[in-house]
């Protein structure tokens, strides 16, 4: 997998994490709510994937945990966007060499 695909998968994974956390916060006062849990793993060949599972038990939402998760997703977005930018710069430099 190339750097562009790695960066893109990071952006997508961060989006999944942020959406699940936002869903939990929005429903934190809903009686009987089953929070979403996100797991993220690396993919063979590069990149990452985030998976969302519904908690089997209804339980309260830990807002502190959700804030941390959203901050982490923000860092992941920024890091992945830098990878995308570096990949685009590298591709541009290679095209300049061959033109």
N, C-alpha and C. Protein backbone atom coordinates (compact mmCIF):
# COMPACT_ATOMS: atom_id res chain seq x y z
N UNK A 1 0.86 -1.16 0.00
CA UNK A 1 0.00 0.00 0.00
C UNK A 1 0.91 1.23 0.00
N UNK A 2 0.55 2.22 -0.76
CA UNK A 2 1.38 3.42 -0.83
C UNK A 2 1.00 4.43 0.24
N UNK A 3 1.80 5.47 0.36
CA UNK A 3 1.60 6.47 1.41
C UNK A 3 0.24 7.15 1.28
N UNK A 4 -0.21 7.41 0.05
CA UNK A 4 -1.50 8.06 -0.14
C UNK A 4 -2.62 7.19 0.42
N UNK A 5 -2.59 5.90 0.12
CA UNK A 5 -3.62 4.99 0.62
C UNK A 5 -3.55 4.86 2.15
N UNK A 6 -2.33 4.85 2.70
CA UNK A 6 -2.18 4.81 4.16
C UNK A 6 -2.82 6.04 4.81
N UNK A 7 -2.52 7.21 4.26
CA UNK A 7 -3.09 8.44 4.80
C UNK A 7 -4.61 8.46 4.69
N UNK A 8 -5.11 8.00 3.55
CA UNK A 8 -6.56 7.99 3.34
C UNK A 8 -7.25 7.03 4.32
N UNK A 9 -6.66 5.86 4.55
CA UNK A 9 -7.27 4.93 5.49
C UNK A 9 -7.24 5.50 6.91
N UNK A 10 -6.20 6.27 7.23
CA UNK A 10 -6.15 6.92 8.54
C UNK A 10 -7.24 7.96 8.72
N UNK A 11 -7.49 8.73 7.67
CA UNK A 11 -8.57 9.72 7.71
C UNK A 11 -9.92 9.02 7.88
N UNK A 12 -10.13 7.94 7.14
CA UNK A 12 -11.39 7.21 7.24
C UNK A 12 -11.57 6.61 8.63
N UNK A 13 -10.52 6.03 9.18
CA UNK A 13 -10.60 5.45 10.52
C UNK A 13 -10.90 6.51 11.58
N UNK A 14 -10.26 7.65 11.45
CA UNK A 14 -10.52 8.75 12.39
C UNK A 14 -11.97 9.21 12.30
N UNK A 15 -12.51 9.25 11.10
CA UNK A 15 -13.91 9.63 10.92
C UNK A 15 -14.86 8.66 11.58
N UNK A 16 -14.56 7.37 11.48
CA UNK A 16 -15.40 6.35 12.12
C UNK A 16 -15.34 6.52 13.64
N UNK A 17 -14.14 6.72 14.17
CA UNK A 17 -13.99 6.90 15.62
C UNK A 17 -14.75 8.13 16.11
N UNK A 18 -14.62 9.22 15.38
CA UNK A 18 -15.29 10.46 15.77
C UNK A 18 -16.81 10.31 15.70
N UNK A 19 -17.31 9.68 14.65
CA UNK A 19 -18.76 9.50 14.50
C UNK A 19 -19.34 8.63 15.63
N UNK A 20 -18.64 7.56 15.99
CA UNK A 20 -19.12 6.69 17.07
C UNK A 20 -19.14 7.43 18.40
N UNK A 21 -18.10 8.20 18.65
CA UNK A 21 -18.04 8.97 19.89
C UNK A 21 -19.13 10.03 19.94
N UNK A 22 -19.33 10.73 18.84
CA UNK A 22 -20.39 11.74 18.78
C UNK A 22 -21.77 11.11 19.01
N UNK A 23 -21.98 9.93 18.46
CA UNK A 23 -23.24 9.21 18.66
C UNK A 23 -23.44 8.90 20.15
N UNK A 24 -22.36 8.47 20.80
CA UNK A 24 -22.45 8.16 22.23
C UNK A 24 -22.78 9.39 23.05
N UNK A 25 -22.13 10.50 22.76
CA UNK A 25 -22.38 11.73 23.51
C UNK A 25 -23.82 12.21 23.28
N UNK A 26 -24.27 12.16 22.04
CA UNK A 26 -25.62 12.63 21.71
C UNK A 26 -26.70 11.79 22.40
N UNK A 27 -26.40 10.53 22.67
CA UNK A 27 -27.39 9.64 23.28
C UNK A 27 -27.09 9.31 24.73
N UNK A 28 -26.19 10.06 25.34
CA UNK A 28 -25.74 9.74 26.70
C UNK A 28 -26.86 9.77 27.74
N UNK A 29 -27.91 10.52 27.51
CA UNK A 29 -29.01 10.60 28.48
C UNK A 29 -30.20 9.71 28.10
N UNK A 30 -30.06 8.93 27.04
CA UNK A 30 -31.14 8.05 26.59
C UNK A 30 -31.20 6.81 27.49
N UNK A 31 -32.34 6.56 28.14
CA UNK A 31 -32.45 5.38 28.99
C UNK A 31 -32.25 4.10 28.16
N UNK A 32 -31.49 3.15 28.70
CA UNK A 32 -31.28 1.88 28.04
C UNK A 32 -30.35 1.94 26.84
N UNK A 33 -29.59 3.02 26.72
CA UNK A 33 -28.70 3.19 25.56
C UNK A 33 -27.54 2.21 25.59
N UNK A 34 -27.25 1.62 24.46
CA UNK A 34 -26.11 0.72 24.28
C UNK A 34 -25.01 1.51 23.55
N UNK A 35 -23.96 1.94 24.24
CA UNK A 35 -22.91 2.73 23.58
C UNK A 35 -22.19 1.95 22.48
N UNK A 36 -21.61 2.69 21.57
CA UNK A 36 -20.79 2.10 20.52
C UNK A 36 -19.35 2.07 20.99
N UNK A 37 -18.64 1.03 20.63
CA UNK A 37 -17.22 0.90 20.94
C UNK A 37 -16.46 0.74 19.63
N UNK A 38 -15.39 1.47 19.49
CA UNK A 38 -14.59 1.44 18.27
C UNK A 38 -13.26 0.76 18.55
N UNK A 39 -12.88 -0.15 17.66
CA UNK A 39 -11.55 -0.75 17.71
C UNK A 39 -10.87 -0.43 16.39
N UNK A 40 -9.60 -0.21 16.48
CA UNK A 40 -8.83 0.14 15.28
C UNK A 40 -7.64 -0.80 15.18
N UNK A 41 -7.37 -1.26 13.97
CA UNK A 41 -6.26 -2.20 13.76
C UNK A 41 -5.53 -1.85 12.48
N UNK A 42 -4.27 -2.23 12.45
CA UNK A 42 -3.50 -2.02 11.22
C UNK A 42 -3.88 -3.12 10.24
N UNK A 43 -3.70 -2.81 8.96
CA UNK A 43 -4.03 -3.73 7.89
C UNK A 43 -2.73 -4.23 7.28
N UNK A 44 -2.69 -5.51 6.96
CA UNK A 44 -1.49 -6.06 6.34
C UNK A 44 -1.22 -5.30 5.04
N UNK A 45 0.00 -4.85 4.89
CA UNK A 45 0.37 -4.08 3.71
C UNK A 45 0.32 -2.58 3.96
N UNK A 46 -0.20 -2.16 5.11
CA UNK A 46 -0.25 -0.74 5.46
C UNK A 46 -1.66 -0.23 5.61
N UNK A 47 -1.77 0.84 6.35
CA UNK A 47 -3.07 1.45 6.58
C UNK A 47 -3.73 0.94 7.84
N UNK A 48 -4.96 1.34 8.05
CA UNK A 48 -5.71 0.93 9.23
C UNK A 48 -7.18 0.82 8.90
N UNK A 49 -7.89 0.16 9.79
CA UNK A 49 -9.33 0.04 9.67
C UNK A 49 -9.94 0.18 11.06
N UNK A 50 -11.05 0.87 11.15
CA UNK A 50 -11.77 1.03 12.41
C UNK A 50 -13.10 0.28 12.31
N UNK A 51 -13.41 -0.45 13.35
CA UNK A 51 -14.66 -1.20 13.40
C UNK A 51 -15.48 -0.72 14.59
N UNK A 52 -16.79 -0.68 14.41
CA UNK A 52 -17.69 -0.22 15.47
C UNK A 52 -18.57 -1.38 15.90
N UNK A 53 -18.66 -1.56 17.21
CA UNK A 53 -19.53 -2.59 17.77
C UNK A 53 -20.44 -1.94 18.80
N UNK A 54 -21.65 -2.44 18.88
CA UNK A 54 -22.60 -1.97 19.88
C UNK A 54 -22.36 -2.74 21.16
N UNK A 55 -22.23 -2.02 22.26
CA UNK A 55 -22.04 -2.66 23.56
C UNK A 55 -23.25 -3.56 23.83
N UNK A 56 -23.05 -4.81 24.22
CA UNK A 56 -24.19 -5.71 24.43
C UNK A 56 -25.05 -5.33 25.65
N UNK A 57 -24.48 -4.58 26.56
CA UNK A 57 -25.21 -4.18 27.77
C UNK A 57 -25.53 -2.69 27.72
N UNK A 58 -26.75 -2.32 28.10
CA UNK A 58 -27.02 -0.88 28.22
C UNK A 58 -26.23 -0.33 29.40
N UNK A 59 -25.55 0.76 29.18
CA UNK A 59 -24.76 1.36 30.26
C UNK A 59 -24.61 2.84 29.99
N UNK A 60 -24.20 3.54 31.02
CA UNK A 60 -23.97 4.96 30.89
C UNK A 60 -22.74 5.25 30.03
N UNK A 61 -22.72 6.44 29.49
CA UNK A 61 -21.61 6.88 28.66
C UNK A 61 -20.62 7.64 29.54
N UNK A 62 -19.35 7.27 29.46
CA UNK A 62 -18.30 7.96 30.18
C UNK A 62 -17.87 9.15 29.32
N UNK A 63 -18.35 10.33 29.67
CA UNK A 63 -18.08 11.51 28.84
C UNK A 63 -16.60 11.85 28.80
N UNK A 64 -15.87 11.59 29.87
CA UNK A 64 -14.42 11.81 29.86
C UNK A 64 -13.74 10.94 28.82
N UNK A 65 -14.14 9.68 28.75
CA UNK A 65 -13.60 8.76 27.75
C UNK A 65 -13.93 9.24 26.33
N UNK A 66 -15.13 9.74 26.16
CA UNK A 66 -15.54 10.20 24.83
C UNK A 66 -14.75 11.45 24.40
N UNK A 67 -14.49 12.34 25.35
CA UNK A 67 -13.68 13.52 25.03
C UNK A 67 -12.28 13.10 24.60
N UNK A 68 -11.68 12.16 25.34
CA UNK A 68 -10.35 11.67 24.98
C UNK A 68 -10.38 11.02 23.60
N UNK A 69 -11.40 10.24 23.33
CA UNK A 69 -11.52 9.58 22.03
C UNK A 69 -11.62 10.60 20.89
N UNK A 70 -12.37 11.67 21.12
CA UNK A 70 -12.51 12.71 20.10
C UNK A 70 -11.19 13.46 19.88
N UNK A 71 -10.46 13.71 20.96
CA UNK A 71 -9.15 14.36 20.83
C UNK A 71 -8.20 13.46 20.05
N UNK A 72 -8.19 12.18 20.38
CA UNK A 72 -7.34 11.23 19.65
C UNK A 72 -7.70 11.19 18.17
N UNK A 73 -8.98 11.19 17.87
CA UNK A 73 -9.42 11.18 16.47
C UNK A 73 -8.94 12.44 15.76
N UNK A 74 -8.96 13.58 16.45
CA UNK A 74 -8.46 14.83 15.87
C UNK A 74 -6.98 14.75 15.53
N UNK A 75 -6.20 14.18 16.46
CA UNK A 75 -4.76 14.00 16.19
C UNK A 75 -4.55 13.05 15.01
N UNK A 76 -5.35 12.00 14.97
CA UNK A 76 -5.23 11.04 13.87
C UNK A 76 -5.59 11.71 12.54
N UNK A 77 -6.63 12.53 12.52
CA UNK A 77 -6.98 13.28 11.30
C UNK A 77 -5.79 14.11 10.83
N UNK A 78 -5.22 14.89 11.75
CA UNK A 78 -4.11 15.78 11.37
C UNK A 78 -2.90 15.00 10.88
N UNK A 79 -2.55 13.92 11.57
CA UNK A 79 -1.40 13.12 11.15
C UNK A 79 -1.65 12.48 9.79
N UNK A 80 -2.84 11.97 9.58
CA UNK A 80 -3.16 11.33 8.30
C UNK A 80 -3.18 12.34 7.16
N UNK A 81 -3.65 13.55 7.43
CA UNK A 81 -3.65 14.58 6.40
C UNK A 81 -2.22 14.99 6.04
N UNK A 82 -1.32 14.97 7.02
CA UNK A 82 0.09 15.26 6.72
C UNK A 82 0.70 14.17 5.84
N UNK A 83 0.31 12.93 6.09
CA UNK A 83 0.79 11.84 5.23
C UNK A 83 0.27 12.04 3.81
N UNK A 84 -1.00 12.41 3.67
CA UNK A 84 -1.57 12.67 2.34
C UNK A 84 -0.83 13.82 1.65
N UNK A 85 -0.55 14.89 2.38
CA UNK A 85 0.15 16.03 1.80
C UNK A 85 1.57 15.65 1.38
N UNK A 86 2.26 14.89 2.22
CA UNK A 86 3.62 14.46 1.87
C UNK A 86 3.60 13.57 0.64
N UNK A 87 2.60 12.70 0.55
CA UNK A 87 2.49 11.82 -0.62
C UNK A 87 2.24 12.64 -1.88
N UNK A 88 1.38 13.64 -1.78
CA UNK A 88 1.09 14.49 -2.95
C UNK A 88 2.34 15.28 -3.35
N UNK A 89 3.09 15.79 -2.38
CA UNK A 89 4.33 16.52 -2.68
C UNK A 89 5.33 15.61 -3.37
N UNK A 90 5.45 14.39 -2.87
CA UNK A 90 6.39 13.43 -3.47
C UNK A 90 6.00 13.10 -4.90
N UNK A 91 4.72 12.85 -5.11
CA UNK A 91 4.25 12.56 -6.48
C UNK A 91 4.49 13.75 -7.40
N UNK A 92 4.26 14.96 -6.88
CA UNK A 92 4.50 16.16 -7.69
C UNK A 92 5.97 16.30 -8.04
N UNK A 93 6.84 16.03 -7.08
CA UNK A 93 8.28 16.12 -7.33
C UNK A 93 8.71 15.08 -8.37
N UNK A 94 8.15 13.89 -8.29
CA UNK A 94 8.48 12.85 -9.27
C UNK A 94 8.01 13.25 -10.67
N UNK A 95 6.85 13.86 -10.74
CA UNK A 95 6.35 14.32 -12.06
C UNK A 95 7.23 15.43 -12.61
N UNK A 96 7.72 16.29 -11.72
CA UNK A 96 8.63 17.37 -12.17
C UNK A 96 9.92 16.79 -12.73
N UNK A 97 10.39 15.71 -12.15
CA UNK A 97 11.64 15.08 -12.61
C UNK A 97 11.46 14.53 -14.03
N UNK A 98 10.31 13.96 -14.28
CA UNK A 98 10.08 13.31 -15.57
C UNK A 98 9.46 14.23 -16.62
N UNK A 99 9.28 15.51 -16.32
CA UNK A 99 8.73 16.40 -17.35
C UNK A 99 9.77 17.30 -17.92
